[in-house]
Amino acid sequence: MKMKRYSRNGVIVLKPQERRIDASNAVGFKESLSMHLGDGSPNIVINLDEVRFIDSSGLGVLVSALKEIGSNGEIKLCHLREGVRSIFELTRLDTVFDLHGSEGGAVESFKSKQGLTE
């Protein structure tokens, strides 16, 4: 799966370049995420702005990524469109993941949690 990767204030941001994350591309999504998680970056924001639909396969990949990063870091999600956000709410994953309206808010939440300043 195509995914943009960049750093913003020391936080890795991953942005899937697909409209759908479902059974047809979940394996590629998992491989891509694992590659980025494996490089030792403890704090990651996944920007889902391009994603219009996510099914249980995609949710499973995100939960696996959260388990993979474990206590070594955090994964925060941002820019969830209404349909995607409703799936997180229906599955109660909105209580598991730290969801943010904006990428900047997600990045800043790492700094405020750690007491960092610029």
Protein backbone atom coordinates (compact mmCIF):
# COMPACT_ATOMS: atom_id res chain seq x y z
CA MET A 1 0.00 0.00 0.00
CA LYS A 2 1.25 3.47 -0.83
CA MET A 3 1.91 5.49 2.27
CA LYS A 4 3.49 8.89 2.73
CA ARG A 5 5.92 9.21 5.60
CA TYR A 6 7.31 12.43 7.00
CA SER A 7 8.41 13.91 10.29
CA ARG A 8 6.65 16.76 12.03
CA ASN A 9 8.26 18.20 15.17
CA GLY A 10 10.08 14.92 15.75
CA VAL A 11 6.96 12.77 15.37
CA ILE A 12 6.63 10.33 12.46
CA VAL A 13 3.45 10.89 10.43
CA LEU A 14 2.13 8.13 8.18
CA LYS A 15 -0.56 8.89 5.65
CA PRO A 16 -2.14 5.98 3.74
CA GLN A 17 -2.79 6.92 0.12
CA GLU A 18 -5.89 4.76 -0.33
CA ARG A 19 -9.58 5.61 -0.17
CA ARG A 20 -10.40 2.23 1.33
CA ILE A 21 -8.66 0.05 3.88
CA ASP A 22 -10.37 -3.31 3.65
CA ALA A 23 -9.72 -7.00 3.08
CA SER A 24 -8.38 -6.31 -0.41
CA ASN A 25 -5.42 -4.26 0.83
CA ALA A 26 -5.15 -5.04 4.57
CA VAL A 27 -2.06 -7.22 4.09
CA GLY A 28 -0.25 -4.41 2.27
CA PHE A 29 -1.38 -1.93 4.92
CA LYS A 30 -0.03 -4.20 7.68
CA GLU A 31 3.30 -4.70 5.90
CA SER A 32 3.69 -0.98 5.36
CA LEU A 33 2.85 -0.14 8.97
CA SER A 34 5.15 -2.86 10.33
CA MET A 35 8.02 -1.54 8.25
CA HIS A 36 7.59 1.93 9.76
CA LEU A 37 7.02 0.65 13.29
CA GLY A 38 10.10 -1.52 13.03
CA ASP A 39 12.45 1.43 12.55
CA GLY A 40 12.26 2.33 16.24
CA SER A 41 10.07 5.43 16.03
CA PRO A 42 8.22 5.49 19.36
CA ASN A 43 5.60 8.11 18.49
CA ILE A 44 3.54 7.81 15.35
CA VAL A 45 0.56 9.70 13.98
CA ILE A 46 -1.51 7.99 11.31
CA ASN A 47 -3.33 10.58 9.22
CA LEU A 48 -6.45 8.97 7.74
CA ASP A 49 -7.53 12.00 5.71
CA GLU A 50 -7.52 10.08 2.41
CA VAL A 51 -9.42 7.08 3.85
CA ARG A 52 -13.17 7.09 3.18
CA PHE A 53 -13.91 3.54 4.36
CA ILE A 54 -12.34 1.05 6.74
CA ASP A 55 -13.60 -2.44 7.53
CA SER A 56 -12.75 -4.97 10.24
CA SER A 57 -9.60 -6.03 8.36
CA GLY A 58 -8.27 -2.49 8.44
CA LEU A 59 -9.25 -2.06 12.08
CA GLY A 60 -7.47 -5.31 12.88
CA VAL A 61 -4.28 -4.00 11.28
CA LEU A 62 -4.43 -0.86 13.42
CA VAL A 63 -5.01 -2.89 16.59
CA SER A 64 -2.07 -5.15 15.65
CA ALA A 65 0.11 -2.07 15.13
CA LEU A 66 -0.89 -0.78 18.55
CA LYS A 67 0.10 -4.11 20.09
CA GLU A 68 3.35 -4.15 18.10
CA ILE A 69 4.44 -0.74 19.35
CA GLY A 70 3.46 -1.77 22.89
CA SER A 71 4.80 0.27 25.75
CA ASN A 72 7.67 1.54 23.58
CA GLY A 73 5.56 4.31 22.10
CA GLU A 74 2.15 5.47 21.00
CA ILE A 75 0.02 5.58 17.90
CA LYS A 76 -2.43 8.43 17.47
CA LEU A 77 -4.95 8.75 14.65
CA CYS A 78 -6.13 11.96 13.04
CA HIS A 79 -8.40 13.32 10.30
CA LEU A 80 -10.98 10.55 10.55
CA ARG A 81 -13.81 11.29 8.16
CA GLU A 82 -17.34 10.90 9.53
CA GLY A 83 -17.88 7.39 8.16
CA VAL A 84 -14.54 6.16 9.44
CA ARG A 85 -15.04 7.83 12.83
CA SER A 86 -18.45 6.18 13.17
CA ILE A 87 -16.86 2.74 12.64
CA PHE A 88 -14.41 3.49 15.46
CA GLU A 89 -17.31 4.57 17.68
CA LEU A 90 -19.48 1.53 16.82
CA THR A 91 -16.62 -0.84 17.61
CA ARG A 92 -15.64 1.20 20.69
CA LEU A 93 -12.12 1.55 19.30
CA ASP A 94 -12.48 5.28 19.92
CA THR A 95 -11.79 4.35 23.57
CA VAL A 96 -8.63 2.45 22.59
CA PHE A 97 -7.06 4.89 20.14
CA ASP A 98 -6.27 8.53 20.77
CA LEU A 99 -8.26 10.28 18.01
CA HIS A 100 -7.59 13.86 16.91
CA GLY A 101 -9.32 16.19 14.48
CA SER A 102 -6.08 17.55 13.09
CA GLU A 103 -2.57 16.32 12.44
CA GLY A 104 -1.16 19.28 14.33
CA GLY A 105 -3.28 18.46 17.36
CA ALA A 106 -2.11 14.85 17.34
CA VAL A 107 1.55 15.89 17.06
CA GLU A 108 1.18 18.51 19.79
CA SER A 109 -0.46 15.99 22.13
CA PHE A 110 2.84 14.07 22.25
CA LYS A 111 4.64 17.21 23.35
CA SER A 112 2.09 18.16 25.99
CA LYS A 113 2.00 14.60 27.37
CA GLN A 114 5.78 14.48 27.66
CA GLY A 115 6.05 18.04 28.95
CA LEU A 116 8.23 19.03 26.00
CA THR A 117 8.58 22.53 24.69
CA GLU A 118 9.91 23.80 21.39
